[in-house]
Amino acid sequence: MRSRTAVAAALFLVVALAGCGGKSDTASSPTASKEATVAASTPAAEVDCSDTSLSQADWMKSCSEDADGTGGDGGPSANLAFGKPYAWPDGLEVTVLDATVFSDWSEYEEPDPKSTEFRVRLRLDNKSKAPVDLSDITIMVDGATNGGQSFSSAFERGSAPLEGRLAPGVSAVKTDDNALETRYGRDVVVTVQRTSDDGIDVFPEFTGTIR
């Protein structure tokens, strides 16, 4: 039979070992937790979407509508208001200035009483280092209230169609003529479509009202 002293010593040894094990686990947990927090909070490298030297691949990854970015200084590619500029990565900037009812008819033209015939004015600023072919740009206008799509027209007086080239550092105001059935209202979405050899496929949309 063990003495009381031997039993007490054995119990002391068990308690001491258990305490050491608990201390080791407790000490390791805060360290692991701290390391995980630091790694998760490390910020990703920022991309300057206004940098015209940014490659197309990097811009599409970080700045396009489908990415986490905002589409550059021009903002997102959808729901831009008339008067707000949008810049493509190569430096070409477009602004839909307004859409106004057309009334300056020539003697050879006749308005359609069932349609709202209007002219869209857009400003183009070539801030790139190369000329831009304006024939690569087309306009599409949709009704913004209850559907409807306008059909393209070409009014004779005062037109400045998208054609020719725009040199670096040059700005120009161009026009695009349209007609939208009156039943679709006057709130419209103007989509500026552009094709290029650089693979640009982000088409800004501008919303406004035909005045």
N, C-alpha and C. Protein backbone atom coordinates (compact mmCIF):
# COMPACT_ATOMS: atom_id res chain seq x y z
N MET A 1 0.86 -1.18 0.00
CA MET A 1 0.00 0.00 0.00
C MET A 1 0.90 1.24 0.00
N ARG A 2 0.52 2.19 -0.96
CA ARG A 2 1.31 3.41 -1.03
C ARG A 2 1.03 4.32 0.15
N SER A 3 2.04 5.07 0.50
CA SER A 3 1.86 6.04 1.58
C SER A 3 1.14 7.25 1.07
N ARG A 4 0.60 8.03 1.98
CA ARG A 4 -0.09 9.25 1.57
C ARG A 4 0.85 10.22 0.87
N THR A 5 2.10 10.19 1.27
CA THR A 5 3.09 11.09 0.65
C THR A 5 3.31 10.73 -0.81
N ALA A 6 3.39 9.42 -1.12
CA ALA A 6 3.60 8.97 -2.51
C ALA A 6 2.40 9.32 -3.37
N VAL A 7 1.19 9.11 -2.84
CA VAL A 7 -0.03 9.43 -3.60
C VAL A 7 -0.10 10.92 -3.89
N ALA A 8 0.21 11.74 -2.91
CA ALA A 8 0.17 13.19 -3.09
C ALA A 8 1.18 13.65 -4.14
N ALA A 9 2.36 13.02 -4.13
CA ALA A 9 3.39 13.38 -5.12
C ALA A 9 2.95 13.02 -6.52
N ALA A 10 2.29 11.87 -6.66
CA ALA A 10 1.80 11.45 -7.98
C ALA A 10 0.75 12.40 -8.51
N LEU A 11 -0.19 12.77 -7.64
CA LEU A 11 -1.23 13.71 -8.04
C LEU A 11 -0.63 15.05 -8.45
N PHE A 12 0.35 15.53 -7.72
CA PHE A 12 1.01 16.79 -8.05
C PHE A 12 1.65 16.76 -9.43
N LEU A 13 2.28 15.61 -9.77
CA LEU A 13 2.94 15.45 -11.06
C LEU A 13 1.93 15.50 -12.20
N VAL A 14 0.77 14.84 -12.03
CA VAL A 14 -0.28 14.83 -13.07
C VAL A 14 -0.81 16.24 -13.31
N VAL A 15 -1.09 16.96 -12.21
CA VAL A 15 -1.62 18.32 -12.33
C VAL A 15 -0.61 19.24 -13.00
N ALA A 16 0.66 19.08 -12.66
CA ALA A 16 1.71 19.92 -13.24
C ALA A 16 1.84 19.70 -14.73
N LEU A 17 1.79 18.41 -15.14
CA LEU A 17 1.89 18.09 -16.58
C LEU A 17 0.70 18.65 -17.34
N ALA A 18 -0.50 18.52 -16.75
CA ALA A 18 -1.70 19.06 -17.42
C ALA A 18 -1.60 20.57 -17.57
N GLY A 19 -1.10 21.23 -16.56
CA GLY A 19 -0.96 22.69 -16.62
C GLY A 19 0.00 23.12 -17.68
N CYS A 20 1.10 22.37 -17.85
CA CYS A 20 2.08 22.72 -18.89
C CYS A 20 1.49 22.58 -20.27
N GLY A 21 0.72 21.51 -20.48
CA GLY A 21 0.09 21.30 -21.79
C GLY A 21 -0.88 22.40 -22.12
N GLY A 22 -1.72 22.81 -21.14
CA GLY A 22 -2.69 23.88 -21.36
C GLY A 22 -2.00 25.19 -21.67
N LYS A 23 -0.91 25.48 -21.01
CA LYS A 23 -0.18 26.72 -21.23
C LYS A 23 0.39 26.79 -22.63
N SER A 24 0.88 25.65 -23.13
CA SER A 24 1.46 25.61 -24.48
C SER A 24 0.41 25.90 -25.54
N ASP A 25 -0.81 25.32 -25.43
CA ASP A 25 -1.87 25.54 -26.41
C ASP A 25 -2.33 26.98 -26.40
N THR A 26 -2.46 27.53 -25.18
CA THR A 26 -2.93 28.91 -25.05
C THR A 26 -1.94 29.88 -25.65
N ALA A 27 -0.67 29.61 -25.50
CA ALA A 27 0.36 30.52 -26.01
C ALA A 27 0.40 30.51 -27.52
N SER A 28 0.11 29.35 -28.15
CA SER A 28 0.23 29.26 -29.61
C SER A 28 -0.97 29.87 -30.31
N SER A 29 -2.14 29.90 -29.71
CA SER A 29 -3.35 30.37 -30.38
C SER A 29 -3.29 31.85 -30.74
N PRO A 30 -2.92 32.77 -29.82
CA PRO A 30 -2.86 34.18 -30.19
C PRO A 30 -1.89 34.45 -31.31
N THR A 31 -0.77 33.73 -31.34
CA THR A 31 0.22 33.94 -32.40
C THR A 31 -0.36 33.61 -33.75
N ALA A 32 -1.02 32.44 -33.86
CA ALA A 32 -1.61 32.02 -35.13
C ALA A 32 -2.70 32.99 -35.55
N SER A 33 -3.52 33.43 -34.58
CA SER A 33 -4.60 34.35 -34.90
C SER A 33 -4.07 35.68 -35.40
N LYS A 34 -2.99 36.17 -34.77
CA LYS A 34 -2.39 37.44 -35.17
C LYS A 34 -1.84 37.37 -36.57
N GLU A 35 -1.15 36.30 -36.92
CA GLU A 35 -0.58 36.15 -38.25
C GLU A 35 -1.67 36.10 -39.31
N ALA A 36 -2.77 35.41 -39.05
CA ALA A 36 -3.87 35.31 -40.01
C ALA A 36 -4.50 36.67 -40.24
N THR A 37 -4.65 37.47 -39.22
CA THR A 37 -5.25 38.79 -39.35
C THR A 37 -4.39 39.71 -40.19
N VAL A 38 -3.09 39.70 -39.96
CA VAL A 38 -2.18 40.55 -40.73
C VAL A 38 -2.21 40.19 -42.20
N ALA A 39 -2.21 38.91 -42.52
CA ALA A 39 -2.22 38.47 -43.91
C ALA A 39 -3.50 38.88 -44.60
N ALA A 40 -4.62 38.76 -43.90
CA ALA A 40 -5.91 39.08 -44.50
C ALA A 40 -6.09 40.56 -44.71
N SER A 41 -5.41 41.36 -43.89
CA SER A 41 -5.59 42.81 -43.99
C SER A 41 -4.57 43.47 -44.89
N THR A 42 -3.69 42.71 -45.49
CA THR A 42 -2.69 43.29 -46.38
C THR A 42 -3.36 43.82 -47.64
N PRO A 43 -3.28 45.10 -47.95
CA PRO A 43 -3.98 45.66 -49.10
C PRO A 43 -3.36 45.21 -50.42
N ALA A 44 -4.24 45.05 -51.43
CA ALA A 44 -3.75 44.68 -52.76
C ALA A 44 -3.15 45.90 -53.43
N ALA A 45 -2.29 45.68 -54.40
CA ALA A 45 -1.66 46.79 -55.11
C ALA A 45 -2.70 47.57 -55.89
N GLU A 46 -2.68 48.90 -55.79
CA GLU A 46 -3.65 49.74 -56.47
C GLU A 46 -3.23 50.00 -57.91
N VAL A 47 -4.23 50.13 -58.80
CA VAL A 47 -3.97 50.40 -60.21
C VAL A 47 -4.51 51.78 -60.54
N ASP A 48 -3.68 52.61 -61.16
CA ASP A 48 -4.11 53.94 -61.58
C ASP A 48 -4.81 53.83 -62.93
N CYS A 49 -6.15 53.86 -62.91
CA CYS A 49 -6.92 53.65 -64.14
C CYS A 49 -6.82 54.83 -65.10
N SER A 50 -6.29 55.97 -64.63
CA SER A 50 -6.14 57.12 -65.51
C SER A 50 -4.79 57.12 -66.23
N ASP A 51 -3.95 56.15 -65.93
CA ASP A 51 -2.63 56.06 -66.54
C ASP A 51 -2.78 55.55 -67.98
N THR A 52 -2.52 56.41 -68.96
CA THR A 52 -2.71 56.03 -70.36
C THR A 52 -1.68 55.02 -70.85
N SER A 53 -0.59 54.81 -70.07
CA SER A 53 0.40 53.82 -70.46
C SER A 53 0.05 52.43 -69.93
N LEU A 54 -1.07 52.31 -69.19
CA LEU A 54 -1.51 51.04 -68.64
C LEU A 54 -1.87 50.09 -69.78
N SER A 55 -1.42 48.85 -69.70
CA SER A 55 -1.72 47.90 -70.77
C SER A 55 -3.20 47.59 -70.79
N GLN A 56 -3.71 47.18 -71.96
CA GLN A 56 -5.13 46.86 -72.11
C GLN A 56 -5.53 45.73 -71.17
N ALA A 57 -4.65 44.73 -71.02
CA ALA A 57 -4.96 43.58 -70.17
C ALA A 57 -5.12 44.01 -68.72
N ASP A 58 -4.19 44.87 -68.23
CA ASP A 58 -4.26 45.33 -66.85
C ASP A 58 -5.48 46.22 -66.64
N TRP A 59 -5.80 47.04 -67.64
CA TRP A 59 -6.97 47.91 -67.50
C TRP A 59 -8.26 47.11 -67.43
N MET A 60 -8.39 46.10 -68.29
CA MET A 60 -9.59 45.27 -68.29
C MET A 60 -9.72 44.51 -66.98
N LYS A 61 -8.57 44.11 -66.40
CA LYS A 61 -8.58 43.33 -65.17
C LYS A 61 -8.99 44.16 -63.97
N SER A 62 -8.56 45.42 -63.93
CA SER A 62 -8.74 46.23 -62.72
C SER A 62 -9.71 47.40 -62.87
N CYS A 63 -9.98 47.83 -64.11
CA CYS A 63 -10.72 49.08 -64.27
C CYS A 63 -12.02 48.97 -65.05
N SER A 64 -12.25 47.88 -65.75
CA SER A 64 -13.44 47.79 -66.59
C SER A 64 -14.68 47.58 -65.75
N GLU A 65 -15.83 47.63 -66.40
CA GLU A 65 -17.12 47.47 -65.70
C GLU A 65 -17.22 46.11 -65.03
N ASP A 66 -16.66 45.08 -65.65
CA ASP A 66 -16.77 43.73 -65.12
C ASP A 66 -15.74 43.44 -64.04
N ALA A 67 -14.82 44.39 -63.82
CA ALA A 67 -13.79 44.18 -62.80
C ALA A 67 -14.21 44.89 -61.51
N ASP A 68 -13.28 44.89 -60.52
CA ASP A 68 -13.57 45.53 -59.26
C ASP A 68 -13.35 47.04 -59.33
N GLY A 69 -12.76 47.50 -60.43
CA GLY A 69 -12.47 48.92 -60.55
C GLY A 69 -13.68 49.71 -60.97
N THR A 70 -13.47 50.99 -61.30
CA THR A 70 -14.57 51.88 -61.62
C THR A 70 -14.61 52.25 -63.09
N GLY A 71 -13.73 51.66 -63.89
CA GLY A 71 -13.75 52.03 -65.30
C GLY A 71 -12.95 53.28 -65.60
N GLY A 72 -12.04 53.67 -64.73
CA GLY A 72 -11.20 54.84 -64.97
C GLY A 72 -11.84 56.10 -64.42
N ASP A 73 -11.25 57.26 -64.73
CA ASP A 73 -11.74 58.51 -64.20
C ASP A 73 -13.13 58.84 -64.70
N GLY A 74 -13.53 58.23 -65.82
CA GLY A 74 -14.87 58.50 -66.34
C GLY A 74 -15.96 57.83 -65.53
N GLY A 75 -15.63 57.01 -64.57
CA GLY A 75 -16.63 56.35 -63.75
C GLY A 75 -17.05 55.03 -64.37
N PRO A 76 -18.09 54.44 -63.84
CA PRO A 76 -18.56 53.16 -64.37
C PRO A 76 -19.07 53.32 -65.79
N SER A 77 -19.15 52.20 -66.53
CA SER A 77 -19.53 52.31 -67.93
C SER A 77 -21.02 52.43 -68.13
N ALA A 78 -21.81 52.37 -67.06
CA ALA A 78 -23.25 52.49 -67.20
C ALA A 78 -23.76 53.65 -66.36
N ASN A 79 -24.91 54.21 -66.80
CA ASN A 79 -25.62 55.24 -66.03
C ASN A 79 -24.82 56.51 -65.79
N LEU A 80 -24.05 56.92 -66.77
CA LEU A 80 -23.40 58.23 -66.70
C LEU A 80 -24.41 59.28 -67.14
N ALA A 81 -24.40 60.42 -66.48
CA ALA A 81 -25.32 61.49 -66.84
C ALA A 81 -24.79 62.24 -68.06
N PHE A 82 -25.71 62.84 -68.82
CA PHE A 82 -25.28 63.72 -69.90
C PHE A 82 -24.35 64.78 -69.30
N GLY A 83 -23.26 65.05 -69.98
CA GLY A 83 -22.32 66.05 -69.53
C GLY A 83 -21.15 65.50 -68.75
N LYS A 84 -21.20 64.20 -68.39
CA LYS A 84 -20.10 63.61 -67.65
C LYS A 84 -19.18 62.85 -68.61
N PRO A 85 -17.87 63.08 -68.59
CA PRO A 85 -16.97 62.45 -69.55
C PRO A 85 -16.64 61.00 -69.19
N TYR A 86 -16.30 60.25 -70.20
CA TYR A 86 -15.82 58.87 -70.03
C TYR A 86 -14.53 58.73 -70.83
N ALA A 87 -13.49 58.16 -70.22
CA ALA A 87 -12.19 58.02 -70.88
C ALA A 87 -11.87 56.56 -71.11
N TRP A 88 -11.56 56.21 -72.36
CA TRP A 88 -11.06 54.88 -72.67
C TRP A 88 -9.58 54.81 -72.28
N PRO A 89 -9.04 53.60 -72.12
CA PRO A 89 -7.66 53.47 -71.63
C PRO A 89 -6.59 54.08 -72.54
N ASP A 90 -6.91 54.25 -73.82
CA ASP A 90 -5.90 54.82 -74.71
C ASP A 90 -5.88 56.34 -74.67
N GLY A 91 -6.81 56.95 -73.92
CA GLY A 91 -6.80 58.40 -73.78
C GLY A 91 -7.92 59.12 -74.50
N LEU A 92 -8.69 58.44 -75.34
CA LEU A 92 -9.82 59.10 -76.00
C LEU A 92 -10.95 59.28 -74.99
N GLU A 93 -11.47 60.49 -74.92
CA GLU A 93 -12.52 60.82 -73.96
C GLU A 93 -13.78 61.24 -74.70
N VAL A 94 -14.94 60.76 -74.23
CA VAL A 94 -16.21 61.09 -74.87
C VAL A 94 -17.18 61.63 -73.83
N THR A 95 -17.96 62.63 -74.24
CA THR A 95 -19.00 63.20 -73.38
C THR A 95 -20.25 63.42 -74.21
N VAL A 96 -21.37 62.83 -73.79
CA VAL A 96 -22.64 63.13 -74.45
C VAL A 96 -23.14 64.43 -73.86
N LEU A 97 -23.17 65.48 -74.67
CA LEU A 97 -23.52 66.81 -74.18
C LEU A 97 -25.01 66.96 -73.96
N ASP A 98 -25.81 66.57 -74.96
CA ASP A 98 -27.26 66.71 -74.84
C ASP A 98 -27.96 65.99 -75.99
N ALA A 99 -29.28 65.95 -75.88
CA ALA A 99 -30.14 65.43 -76.95
C ALA A 99 -31.31 66.41 -77.07
N THR A 100 -31.46 67.00 -78.24
CA THR A 100 -32.47 68.04 -78.41
C THR A 100 -33.38 67.74 -79.60
N VAL A 101 -34.65 68.12 -79.45
CA VAL A 101 -35.62 67.92 -80.54
C VAL A 101 -35.15 68.73 -81.75
N PHE A 102 -35.17 68.12 -82.91
CA PHE A 102 -34.72 68.80 -84.13
C PHE A 102 -35.91 69.50 -84.80
N SER A 103 -35.67 70.75 -85.20
CA SER A 103 -36.75 71.51 -85.85
C SER A 103 -36.28 72.32 -87.05
N ASP A 104 -34.98 72.30 -87.32
CA ASP A 104 -34.42 73.10 -88.42
C ASP A 104 -34.48 72.32 -89.73
N TRP A 105 -35.70 72.05 -90.17
CA TRP A 105 -35.87 71.21 -91.36
C TRP A 105 -35.57 71.98 -92.64
N SER A 106 -35.01 71.27 -93.59
CA SER A 106 -34.80 71.85 -94.92
C SER A 106 -36.08 71.67 -95.73
N GLU A 107 -36.14 72.28 -96.88
CA GLU A 107 -37.35 72.19 -97.71
C GLU A 107 -37.58 70.78 -98.26
N TYR A 108 -36.58 69.94 -98.16
CA TYR A 108 -36.72 68.58 -98.68
C TYR A 108 -37.01 67.55 -97.58
N GLU A 109 -37.12 68.03 -96.34
CA GLU A 109 -37.36 67.12 -95.22
C GLU A 109 -38.76 67.36 -94.63
N GLU A 110 -39.31 66.30 -94.08
CA GLU A 110 -40.64 66.39 -93.47
C GLU A 110 -40.65 65.61 -92.15
N PRO A 111 -41.01 66.25 -91.05
CA PRO A 111 -41.01 65.57 -89.75
C PRO A 111 -42.11 64.52 -89.66
N ASP A 112 -41.87 63.52 -88.84
CA ASP A 112 -42.83 62.45 -88.61
C ASP A 112 -43.63 62.79 -87.35
N PRO A 113 -44.94 62.98 -87.46
CA PRO A 113 -45.74 63.37 -86.29
C PRO A 113 -45.84 62.28 -85.22
N LYS A 114 -45.49 61.05 -85.54
CA LYS A 114 -45.57 59.94 -84.59
C LYS A 114 -44.24 59.68 -83.87
N SER A 115 -43.24 60.48 -84.20
CA SER A 115 -41.92 60.25 -83.61
C SER A 115 -41.34 61.54 -83.05
N THR A 116 -40.47 61.37 -82.07
CA THR A 116 -39.66 62.47 -81.57
C THR A 116 -38.33 62.41 -82.31
N GLU A 117 -38.10 63.39 -83.15
CA GLU A 117 -36.86 63.40 -83.93
C GLU A 117 -35.87 64.35 -83.24
N PHE A 118 -34.69 63.85 -83.00
CA PHE A 118 -33.76 64.61 -82.16
C PHE A 118 -32.32 64.41 -82.61
N ARG A 119 -31.47 65.30 -82.13
CA ARG A 119 -30.04 65.25 -82.44
C ARG A 119 -29.24 65.11 -81.15
N VAL A 120 -28.34 64.15 -81.15
CA VAL A 120 -27.43 63.95 -80.02
C VAL A 120 -26.11 64.63 -80.34
N ARG A 121 -25.62 65.42 -79.41
CA ARG A 121 -24.30 66.05 -79.57
C ARG A 121 -23.33 65.40 -78.59
N LEU A 122 -22.18 65.04 -79.10
CA LEU A 122 -21.15 64.48 -78.24
C LEU A 122 -19.81 65.13 -78.51
N ARG A 123 -19.07 65.30 -77.44
CA ARG A 123 -17.74 65.90 -77.54
C ARG A 123 -16.70 64.81 -77.41
N LEU A 124 -15.71 64.86 -78.29
CA LEU A 124 -14.61 63.90 -78.29
C LEU A 124 -13.29 64.65 -78.07
N ASP A 125 -12.53 64.20 -77.08
CA ASP A 125 -11.23 64.80 -76.78
C ASP A 125 -10.16 63.72 -76.94
N ASN A 126 -9.29 63.90 -77.91
CA ASN A 126 -8.23 62.91 -78.13
C ASN A 126 -7.01 63.26 -77.28
N LYS A 127 -6.93 62.65 -76.11
CA LYS A 127 -5.81 62.88 -75.20
C LYS A 127 -4.74 61.80 -75.33
N SER A 128 -4.84 61.02 -76.40
CA SER A 128 -3.83 59.99 -76.65
C SER A 128 -2.70 60.57 -77.48
N LYS A 129 -1.76 59.71 -77.87
CA LYS A 129 -0.62 60.16 -78.67
C LYS A 129 -0.74 59.73 -80.13
N ALA A 130 -1.92 59.26 -80.52
CA ALA A 130 -2.13 58.79 -81.89
C ALA A 130 -3.48 59.28 -82.40
N PRO A 131 -3.63 59.44 -83.71
CA PRO A 131 -4.93 59.85 -84.25
C PRO A 131 -5.98 58.76 -84.04
N VAL A 132 -7.24 59.18 -83.94
CA VAL A 132 -8.35 58.26 -83.71
C VAL A 132 -9.27 58.30 -84.92
N ASP A 133 -9.63 57.12 -85.42
CA ASP A 133 -10.56 57.02 -86.55
C ASP A 133 -11.99 57.11 -86.00
N LEU A 134 -12.68 58.19 -86.31
CA LEU A 134 -14.02 58.41 -85.76
C LEU A 134 -15.06 57.46 -86.34
N SER A 135 -14.75 56.84 -87.45
CA SER A 135 -15.69 55.88 -88.02
C SER A 135 -15.76 54.60 -87.19
N ASP A 136 -14.85 54.46 -86.22
CA ASP A 136 -14.89 53.31 -85.31
C ASP A 136 -15.94 53.49 -84.21
N ILE A 137 -16.54 54.68 -84.16
CA ILE A 137 -17.50 55.00 -83.10
C ILE A 137 -18.91 55.05 -83.68
N THR A 138 -19.84 54.37 -83.03
CA THR A 138 -21.24 54.40 -83.43
C THR A 138 -22.11 54.66 -82.20
N ILE A 139 -23.28 55.21 -82.44
CA ILE A 139 -24.20 55.58 -81.36
C ILE A 139 -25.47 54.73 -81.46
N MET A 140 -25.95 54.27 -80.30
CA MET A 140 -27.22 53.56 -80.23
C MET A 140 -28.06 54.20 -79.13
N VAL A 141 -29.32 54.50 -79.43
CA VAL A 141 -30.18 55.18 -78.47
C VAL A 141 -31.41 54.32 -78.19
N ASP A 142 -31.69 54.10 -76.89
CA ASP A 142 -32.85 53.33 -76.46
C ASP A 142 -33.71 54.18 -75.54
N GLY A 143 -35.01 53.90 -75.55
CA GLY A 143 -35.90 54.55 -74.60
C GLY A 143 -35.60 54.05 -73.20
N ALA A 144 -35.63 54.94 -72.21
CA ALA A 144 -35.25 54.58 -70.84
C ALA A 144 -36.45 54.39 -69.92
N THR A 145 -37.66 54.58 -70.43
CA THR A 145 -38.85 54.51 -69.58
C THR A 145 -39.60 53.20 -69.74
N ASN A 146 -40.08 52.94 -70.94
CA ASN A 146 -40.84 51.71 -71.18
C ASN A 146 -40.43 51.02 -72.48
N GLY A 147 -39.13 51.04 -72.71
CA GLY A 147 -38.60 50.34 -73.89
C GLY A 147 -38.55 51.23 -75.12
N GLY A 148 -38.33 50.58 -76.24
CA GLY A 148 -38.25 51.30 -77.51
C GLY A 148 -36.83 51.59 -77.91
N GLN A 149 -36.56 51.48 -79.20
CA GLN A 149 -35.24 51.76 -79.73
C GLN A 149 -35.38 52.75 -80.87
N SER A 150 -34.52 53.75 -80.88
CA SER A 150 -34.60 54.77 -81.93
C SER A 150 -34.02 54.21 -83.23
N PHE A 151 -34.40 54.83 -84.32
CA PHE A 151 -33.76 54.47 -85.58
C PHE A 151 -32.96 55.67 -86.08
N SER A 152 -31.83 55.36 -86.67
CA SER A 152 -30.90 56.40 -87.08
C SER A 152 -31.45 57.20 -88.25
N SER A 153 -31.12 58.47 -88.24
CA SER A 153 -31.53 59.36 -89.32
C SER A 153 -30.34 60.25 -89.67
N ALA A 154 -30.56 61.18 -90.59
CA ALA A 154 -29.49 62.11 -90.96
C ALA A 154 -30.14 63.41 -91.42
N PHE A 155 -30.24 64.36 -90.49
CA PHE A 155 -30.83 65.64 -90.82
C PHE A 155 -29.82 66.49 -91.57
N GLU A 156 -30.31 67.23 -92.51
CA GLU A 156 -29.41 67.92 -93.43
C GLU A 156 -28.66 69.08 -92.79
N ARG A 157 -29.35 69.92 -92.07
CA ARG A 157 -28.74 71.14 -91.56
C ARG A 157 -28.01 70.94 -90.24
N GLY A 158 -26.79 71.46 -90.19
CA GLY A 158 -26.03 71.48 -88.94
C GLY A 158 -25.42 70.16 -88.51
N SER A 159 -25.45 69.16 -89.35
CA SER A 159 -24.92 67.85 -88.95
C SER A 159 -23.39 67.84 -88.98
N ALA A 160 -22.82 67.08 -88.07
CA ALA A 160 -21.36 66.89 -88.01
C ALA A 160 -21.13 65.41 -87.70
N PRO A 161 -21.25 64.55 -88.70
CA PRO A 161 -21.21 63.10 -88.48
C PRO A 161 -19.86 62.60 -87.99
N LEU A 162 -19.87 61.40 -87.42
CA LEU A 162 -18.65 60.75 -86.94
C LEU A 162 -17.91 60.15 -88.12
N GLU A 163 -16.98 60.90 -88.64
CA GLU A 163 -16.19 60.42 -89.77
C GLU A 163 -14.86 61.16 -89.79
N GLY A 164 -13.89 60.60 -90.50
CA GLY A 164 -12.56 61.19 -90.54
C GLY A 164 -11.74 60.82 -89.32
N ARG A 165 -10.65 61.53 -89.12
CA ARG A 165 -9.74 61.25 -88.01
C ARG A 165 -9.64 62.45 -87.08
N LEU A 166 -9.39 62.14 -85.81
CA LEU A 166 -9.20 63.18 -84.81
C LEU A 166 -7.75 63.10 -84.35
N ALA A 167 -6.99 64.18 -84.58
CA ALA A 167 -5.56 64.18 -84.28
C ALA A 167 -5.33 64.26 -82.77
N PRO A 168 -4.15 63.84 -82.32
CA PRO A 168 -3.82 63.93 -80.88
C PRO A 168 -3.91 65.37 -80.39
N GLY A 169 -4.49 65.57 -79.23
CA GLY A 169 -4.61 66.89 -78.65
C GLY A 169 -5.74 67.73 -79.20
N VAL A 170 -6.56 67.14 -80.07
CA VAL A 170 -7.66 67.89 -80.71
C VAL A 170 -9.01 67.45 -80.13
N SER A 171 -9.92 68.42 -79.99
CA SER A 171 -11.27 68.15 -79.52
C SER A 171 -12.27 68.54 -80.61
N ALA A 172 -13.41 67.85 -80.64
CA ALA A 172 -14.42 68.15 -81.64
C ALA A 172 -15.80 67.76 -81.12
N VAL A 173 -16.81 68.50 -81.55
CA VAL A 173 -18.20 68.17 -81.23
C VAL A 173 -18.84 67.57 -82.47
N LYS A 174 -19.39 66.37 -82.31
CA LYS A 174 -20.01 65.66 -83.42
C LYS A 174 -21.49 65.42 -83.10
N THR A 175 -22.26 65.07 -84.14
CA THR A 175 -23.70 64.87 -83.96
C THR A 175 -24.12 63.50 -84.45
N ASP A 176 -25.24 63.04 -83.89
CA ASP A 176 -25.86 61.78 -84.33
C ASP A 176 -27.37 61.99 -84.28
N ASP A 177 -28.03 61.82 -85.43
CA ASP A 177 -29.46 62.11 -85.55
C ASP A 177 -30.30 60.84 -85.40
N ASN A 178 -31.43 60.98 -84.72
CA ASN A 178 -32.27 59.82 -84.41
C ASN A 178 -33.74 60.19 -84.38
N ALA A 179 -34.58 59.14 -84.37
CA ALA A 179 -36.03 59.32 -84.21
C ALA A 179 -36.54 58.20 -83.31
N LEU A 180 -37.36 58.57 -82.32
CA LEU A 180 -37.91 57.61 -81.37
C LEU A 180 -39.43 57.82 -81.32
N GLU A 181 -40.17 56.74 -81.43
CA GLU A 181 -41.63 56.85 -81.38
C GLU A 181 -42.05 57.57 -80.10
N THR A 182 -43.02 58.48 -80.24
CA THR A 182 -43.42 59.31 -79.11
C THR A 182 -43.96 58.49 -77.94
N ARG A 183 -44.49 57.32 -78.19
CA ARG A 183 -45.06 56.51 -77.11
C ARG A 183 -43.99 56.02 -76.13
N TYR A 184 -42.73 56.11 -76.50
CA TYR A 184 -41.66 55.68 -75.61
C TYR A 184 -41.10 56.80 -74.74
N GLY A 185 -41.67 57.97 -74.84
CA GLY A 185 -41.23 59.07 -74.00
C GLY A 185 -39.95 59.73 -74.48
N ARG A 186 -39.37 60.55 -73.60
CA ARG A 186 -38.18 61.31 -73.99
C ARG A 186 -36.94 61.00 -73.14
N ASP A 187 -37.07 60.13 -72.16
CA ASP A 187 -35.89 59.72 -71.40
C ASP A 187 -35.17 58.63 -72.18
N VAL A 188 -33.88 58.81 -72.41
CA VAL A 188 -33.14 57.89 -73.28
C VAL A 188 -31.82 57.46 -72.68
N VAL A 189 -31.31 56.35 -73.18
CA VAL A 189 -29.98 55.85 -72.86
C VAL A 189 -29.17 55.88 -74.15
N VAL A 190 -28.08 56.62 -74.15
CA VAL A 190 -27.21 56.72 -75.32
C VAL A 190 -25.97 55.86 -75.08
N THR A 191 -25.81 54.83 -75.89
CA THR A 191 -24.64 53.94 -75.79
C THR A 191 -23.63 54.32 -76.86
N VAL A 192 -22.41 54.59 -76.45
CA VAL A 192 -21.35 54.93 -77.39
C VAL A 192 -20.51 53.67 -77.62
N GLN A 193 -20.67 53.09 -78.79
CA GLN A 193 -19.96 51.86 -79.12
C GLN A 193 -18.69 52.18 -79.89
N ARG A 194 -17.64 51.45 -79.56
CA ARG A 194 -16.36 51.70 -80.22
C ARG A 194 -15.64 50.39 -80.50
N THR A 195 -15.11 50.27 -81.69
CA THR A 195 -14.29 49.12 -82.05
C THR A 195 -12.88 49.61 -82.31
N SER A 196 -11.89 48.78 -81.95
CA SER A 196 -10.51 49.16 -82.19
C SER A 196 -9.63 47.93 -82.26
N ASP A 197 -8.45 48.10 -82.81
CA ASP A 197 -7.49 47.00 -82.90
C ASP A 197 -6.94 46.61 -81.54
N ASP A 198 -7.12 47.48 -80.53
CA ASP A 198 -6.61 47.20 -79.19
C ASP A 198 -7.55 46.32 -78.38
N GLY A 199 -8.68 45.95 -78.97
CA GLY A 199 -9.62 45.08 -78.26
C GLY A 199 -10.47 45.81 -77.25
N ILE A 200 -10.66 47.12 -77.40
CA ILE A 200 -11.50 47.87 -76.48
C ILE A 200 -12.95 47.44 -76.65
N ASP A 201 -13.56 46.98 -75.58
CA ASP A 201 -14.94 46.52 -75.69
C ASP A 201 -15.80 47.00 -74.52
N VAL A 202 -15.44 48.16 -73.96
CA VAL A 202 -16.25 48.77 -72.91
C VAL A 202 -17.01 49.94 -73.53
N PHE A 203 -18.34 49.84 -73.53
CA PHE A 203 -19.16 50.85 -74.19
C PHE A 203 -19.91 51.68 -73.13
N PRO A 204 -19.51 52.91 -72.90
CA PRO A 204 -20.19 53.73 -71.89
C PRO A 204 -21.62 54.05 -72.27
N GLU A 205 -22.49 54.12 -71.27
CA GLU A 205 -23.89 54.46 -71.46
C GLU A 205 -24.19 55.78 -70.74
N PHE A 206 -24.88 56.68 -71.42
CA PHE A 206 -25.24 57.97 -70.85
C PHE A 206 -26.75 58.10 -70.81
N THR A 207 -27.27 58.55 -69.69
CA THR A 207 -28.72 58.69 -69.57
C THR A 207 -29.09 60.16 -69.46
N GLY A 208 -30.21 60.51 -70.10
CA GLY A 208 -30.67 61.90 -70.07
C GLY A 208 -32.03 62.01 -70.72
N THR A 209 -32.45 63.24 -70.94
CA THR A 209 -33.78 63.52 -71.48
C THR A 209 -33.66 64.35 -72.75
N ILE A 210 -34.46 64.01 -73.74
CA ILE A 210 -34.51 64.80 -74.97
C ILE A 210 -35.23 66.11 -74.64
N ARG A 211 -34.55 67.20 -74.88
CA ARG A 211 -35.12 68.53 -74.57
C ARG A 211 -35.71 69.21 -75.79
